[in-house]
Protein backbone atom coordinates (compact mmCIF):
# COMPACT_ATOMS: atom_id res chain seq x y z
CA MET A 1 -30.54 42.40 123.35
CA ASP A 2 -32.81 40.40 125.66
CA ARG A 3 -31.17 41.72 128.81
CA LYS A 4 -32.42 44.94 130.36
CA PHE A 5 -29.89 47.74 130.70
CA PHE A 6 -28.96 49.26 134.08
CA LEU A 7 -26.66 52.15 134.94
CA VAL A 8 -24.91 52.43 138.29
CA ALA A 9 -23.83 56.09 138.51
CA VAL A 10 -21.19 56.30 141.22
CA ALA A 11 -21.31 59.82 142.67
CA GLY A 12 -20.66 59.18 146.35
CA GLY A 13 -17.56 61.34 146.63
CA ARG A 14 -17.34 64.67 148.40
CA GLY A 15 -14.87 66.28 145.98
CA SER A 16 -12.25 67.61 148.39
CA ARG A 17 -9.74 68.16 145.55
CA MET A 18 -12.18 70.44 143.75
CA GLY A 19 -12.07 72.99 146.59
CA ALA A 20 -15.75 73.91 146.10
CA ASP A 21 -18.51 74.34 148.65
CA ILE A 22 -20.55 71.52 147.10
CA PRO A 23 -19.47 68.11 145.78
CA LYS A 24 -18.19 68.15 142.21
CA GLN A 25 -21.09 66.06 140.88
CA PHE A 26 -23.42 68.99 141.62
CA LEU A 27 -21.24 71.71 140.09
CA PRO A 28 -22.67 73.44 137.01
CA LEU A 29 -21.28 72.53 133.61
CA LYS A 30 -22.76 74.80 130.95
CA GLY A 31 -25.87 75.30 133.03
CA ARG A 32 -26.47 71.69 134.07
CA ALA A 33 -25.07 69.75 137.00
CA VAL A 34 -22.24 67.40 136.07
CA LEU A 35 -24.26 64.41 137.35
CA GLU A 36 -27.33 65.41 135.35
CA ARG A 37 -25.25 65.53 132.18
CA THR A 38 -23.76 62.12 132.95
CA ILE A 39 -27.08 60.37 133.53
CA ALA A 40 -28.72 62.18 130.62
CA ARG A 41 -26.09 60.85 128.23
CA PHE A 42 -26.99 57.27 129.17
CA ALA A 43 -30.71 58.03 128.97
CA GLU A 44 -30.13 59.34 125.45
CA ALA A 45 -28.29 56.17 124.48
CA PHE A 46 -30.68 53.74 126.16
CA PRO A 47 -34.25 55.06 126.45
CA GLY A 48 -36.06 53.37 129.32
CA LEU A 49 -32.91 52.36 131.18
CA SER A 50 -32.97 51.99 134.96
CA VAL A 51 -30.51 54.05 136.99
CA VAL A 52 -29.07 53.43 140.45
CA THR A 53 -27.37 56.61 141.68
CA VAL A 54 -24.89 56.52 144.56
CA LEU A 55 -24.70 59.78 146.52
CA PRO A 56 -23.26 61.02 149.83
CA LYS A 57 -26.01 60.44 152.38
CA GLU A 58 -26.06 64.10 153.40
CA HIS A 59 -26.61 65.22 149.80
CA ILE A 60 -29.45 62.93 148.73
CA SER A 61 -31.96 65.68 149.50
CA THR A 62 -29.80 68.12 147.51
CA TRP A 63 -30.08 65.91 144.44
CA ASP A 64 -33.81 65.31 144.94
CA ALA A 65 -34.39 69.06 145.09
CA TYR A 66 -32.22 69.66 142.05
CA CYS A 67 -34.02 67.05 139.92
CA SER A 68 -37.39 68.46 140.96
CA SER A 69 -36.37 72.03 140.12
CA ARG A 70 -34.96 71.00 136.74
CA GLY A 71 -37.76 68.64 135.80
CA PHE A 72 -35.13 65.92 135.43
CA THR A 73 -37.35 62.85 135.44
CA VAL A 74 -35.02 59.96 134.54
CA ARG A 75 -36.10 57.14 136.85
CA GLN A 76 -33.55 56.56 139.60
CA SER A 77 -33.04 54.53 142.74
CA ILE A 78 -30.85 56.40 145.20
CA VAL A 79 -28.29 54.59 147.36
CA PRO A 80 -26.12 56.26 150.04
CA GLY A 81 -22.40 55.89 149.47
CA GLY A 82 -20.32 53.50 151.54
CA ILE A 83 -16.96 53.83 153.26
CA THR A 84 -15.13 53.09 149.96
CA ARG A 85 -16.09 53.01 146.30
CA PHE A 86 -16.18 49.21 146.57
CA HIS A 87 -18.82 49.35 149.27
CA SER A 88 -20.79 51.98 147.36
CA VAL A 89 -20.91 49.85 144.22
CA ARG A 90 -21.82 46.76 146.23
CA ALA A 91 -24.79 48.60 147.73
CA ALA A 92 -25.88 49.86 144.32
CA LEU A 93 -25.67 46.41 142.75
CA SER A 94 -28.14 45.11 145.33
CA LYS A 95 -30.74 47.17 143.40
CA VAL A 96 -29.87 45.52 140.08
CA PRO A 97 -31.57 42.22 139.16
CA ASP A 98 -29.83 39.20 137.70
CA GLY A 99 -30.08 38.77 133.95
CA ALA A 100 -29.26 42.39 133.10
CA ILE A 101 -26.38 44.29 131.55
CA VAL A 102 -25.02 46.76 134.10
CA ALA A 103 -22.77 49.70 133.28
CA ILE A 104 -20.84 51.03 136.26
CA HIS A 105 -19.83 54.61 135.55
CA ASP A 106 -18.24 57.51 137.39
CA GLY A 107 -20.93 60.12 137.93
CA VAL A 108 -18.37 62.81 137.07
CA ARG A 109 -17.57 61.55 133.57
CA PRO A 110 -20.24 63.53 131.69
CA LEU A 111 -18.56 63.56 128.26
CA VAL A 112 -18.86 59.87 127.38
CA SER A 113 -20.37 59.64 123.91
CA VAL A 114 -23.56 57.90 122.85
CA SER A 115 -21.48 56.26 120.13
CA LEU A 116 -19.16 54.59 122.65
CA LEU A 117 -22.13 53.44 124.73
CA HIS A 118 -23.79 51.89 121.70
CA ARG A 119 -20.57 50.17 120.62
CA MET A 120 -20.09 48.75 124.09
CA ALA A 121 -23.69 47.53 124.31
CA GLU A 122 -23.29 45.78 120.97
CA ARG A 123 -20.11 44.05 122.13
CA MET A 124 -21.89 42.91 125.30
CA GLU A 125 -23.99 40.62 123.13
CA THR A 126 -21.01 38.26 123.22
CA GLU A 127 -18.78 39.47 126.09
CA ARG A 128 -18.99 38.96 129.85
CA ALA A 129 -17.13 42.12 130.85
CA LEU A 130 -16.04 45.07 128.72
CA ILE A 131 -13.61 47.83 129.73
CA PRO A 132 -12.85 51.00 127.72
CA VAL A 133 -9.16 51.89 127.62
CA VAL A 134 -7.02 54.59 126.01
CA PRO A 135 -3.29 54.39 125.27
CA VAL A 136 -0.92 56.22 127.57
CA THR A 137 0.87 58.90 125.55
CA ASP A 138 3.37 60.22 128.10
CA THR A 139 6.73 58.61 128.80
CA LEU A 140 6.43 56.57 131.99
CA LYS A 141 8.79 56.41 134.98
CA ILE A 142 8.50 54.00 137.90
CA LEU A 143 9.19 55.82 141.18
CA ASP A 144 9.45 54.60 144.72
CA PRO A 145 7.87 57.13 147.12
CA SER A 146 9.63 55.48 150.05
CA GLU A 147 12.95 56.45 148.47
CA GLY A 148 12.07 60.12 148.19
CA GLY A 149 10.84 59.75 144.64
CA GLY A 150 14.01 58.12 143.34
CA LEU A 151 13.87 55.96 140.25
CA VAL A 152 13.42 52.26 140.80
CA THR A 153 16.33 50.51 139.13
CA ALA A 154 14.72 47.08 138.83
CA PRO A 155 13.15 45.55 137.00
CA ASP A 156 12.67 48.47 134.59
CA PRO A 157 12.53 52.16 135.54
CA ASP A 158 11.53 53.07 131.96
CA PRO A 159 8.68 50.70 131.01
CA LEU A 160 7.63 50.33 127.38
CA ARG A 161 4.87 52.91 126.92
CA SER A 162 3.10 50.97 124.15
CA ARG A 163 2.06 48.29 126.64
CA PHE A 164 0.24 50.68 128.98
CA PHE A 165 -3.37 51.80 128.74
CA ALA A 166 -5.55 53.87 131.05
CA ALA A 167 -8.89 52.34 132.02
CA GLN A 168 -12.05 54.42 131.88
CA THR A 169 -15.69 53.92 132.71
CA PRO A 170 -18.34 52.82 131.99
CA GLN A 171 -17.31 49.25 132.65
CA MET A 172 -20.01 46.82 131.59
CA PHE A 173 -20.81 43.41 133.05
CA LEU A 174 -23.41 40.67 133.20
CA SER A 175 -25.21 41.70 136.36
CA GLU A 176 -25.31 38.32 138.03
CA GLU A 177 -21.56 37.86 137.62
CA ILE A 178 -20.43 41.26 138.90
CA LYS A 179 -22.92 41.06 141.78
CA ALA A 180 -21.41 37.74 142.84
CA ALA A 181 -17.91 39.22 142.57
CA TYR A 182 -18.85 42.10 144.85
CA GLU A 183 -20.15 39.72 147.50
CA GLY A 184 -16.54 38.88 148.37
CA PRO A 185 -14.40 40.79 150.87
CA PHE A 186 -12.85 44.16 150.13
CA ASP A 187 -9.25 44.17 148.93
CA PRO A 188 -7.08 47.33 148.74
CA SER A 189 -5.99 46.23 145.26
CA PHE A 190 -9.51 46.91 143.95
CA THR A 191 -8.91 50.11 142.01
CA ASP A 192 -11.91 49.71 139.69
CA ASP A 193 -14.70 47.28 138.91
CA ALA A 194 -12.53 45.39 136.44
CA SER A 195 -10.08 44.53 139.23
CA VAL A 196 -12.96 43.10 141.29
CA ALA A 197 -14.10 41.07 138.28
CA ARG A 198 -10.60 39.75 137.56
CA LYS A 199 -10.16 38.66 141.18
CA ASN A 200 -13.27 36.53 140.68
CA ASN A 201 -12.13 35.02 137.37
CA ILE A 202 -14.52 36.96 135.14
CA PRO A 203 -12.79 37.22 131.74
CA LEU A 204 -12.24 40.83 130.70
CA SER A 205 -12.46 42.22 127.19
CA TYR A 206 -11.41 45.69 126.10
CA ILE A 207 -12.60 48.38 123.73
CA GLU A 208 -11.03 51.65 122.63
CA GLY A 209 -12.20 54.45 124.90
CA GLU A 210 -12.32 58.18 124.26
CA ARG A 211 -9.74 60.88 124.89
CA TYR A 212 -12.32 63.33 126.22
CA ASN A 213 -14.15 60.86 128.45
CA ILE A 214 -12.44 62.56 131.38
CA LYS A 215 -13.17 62.24 135.07
CA ILE A 216 -13.80 65.67 136.56
CA THR A 217 -11.66 65.85 139.70
CA THR A 218 -10.04 69.29 139.77
CA PRO A 219 -11.07 72.83 138.76
CA GLU A 220 -8.89 72.46 135.66
CA ASP A 221 -10.90 69.39 134.61
CA LEU A 222 -14.09 71.44 134.79
CA VAL A 223 -12.59 74.12 132.54
CA LEU A 224 -11.49 71.44 130.05
CA ALA A 225 -14.93 69.81 130.08
CA GLU A 226 -16.61 73.13 129.32
CA ALA A 227 -14.15 73.77 126.48
CA VAL A 228 -14.91 70.35 125.02
CA LEU A 229 -18.65 71.03 125.18
CA ASN A 230 -18.18 74.47 123.61
CA HIS A 231 -15.96 73.43 120.74
CA LEU A 232 -16.05 69.66 120.18
CA ILE A 233 -19.49 68.50 121.33
CA PRO A 234 -21.81 71.37 120.38
CA GLU A 235 -25.32 71.24 121.81
C-alpha cells in the first residue's frame, strides 16, 4: 500500500457510566491501561504507524505521565477532546495528511484483533470507506419513549432481525475524503464516522467484525474484557 497508515484513537470521554474515579480509558486491564492496549494492538498490526490520540484536556498530563512510567513509546500526537465526538474527530483529523489511510477507532475497544486490522487494510486497497459490522442476534422491538415505552404499531414493531447489523470501529477511510466530510457542520444524526461519510456521499463498504471487539463502557464490560483476555486471547 502506497498510502501511509494513521490511527485516530478517540478517548475524549470522561466515563461517567463506569462510576470510577478516573476515565475508563485509563483503567487497568490485566495490568495495562485500556488505552495502551488499544493503541498497542494497532502498533502490532502496523509497525511505524502514526497515532493521533484524543483525550480530555484535563487528563493529557495523566496520559503523558502514564506513557513515561510504562516506557510506552508509540509515537503520538495528542489532541484535546471537543464538545462532541464529532468535534473531537474533526480536531484529530487536522493532524492527518491527505493521501493516507486513516482508521478512526474508539480508544476503549482494546480487543480488536490484528487479523481484522490486516483484513481491513487489504480491503482498503480498493475501497474508499470500510466499516466492520456484526449481526444483531437478539429479537428487536421498536419502542417509542414518548409513549412510555409502548410498542410502535407502524410501520413494523417487530423488524426482521436478519437485516440489522451493529457497527463497530475501527472505521477506515481515505484521509482526504473523511477530512473533507468533517469540514461540514455538525448534525445530531452523526452517530459514527460512517454517518458523516454517508452524508457527504462517500460510498461505504462493509466487512464482518468481531464478537469480542467490544466497547468498554460499564464495569461489566471491563470484567468481560478481562475474561476474554484470560481465556480467548492468551498473552
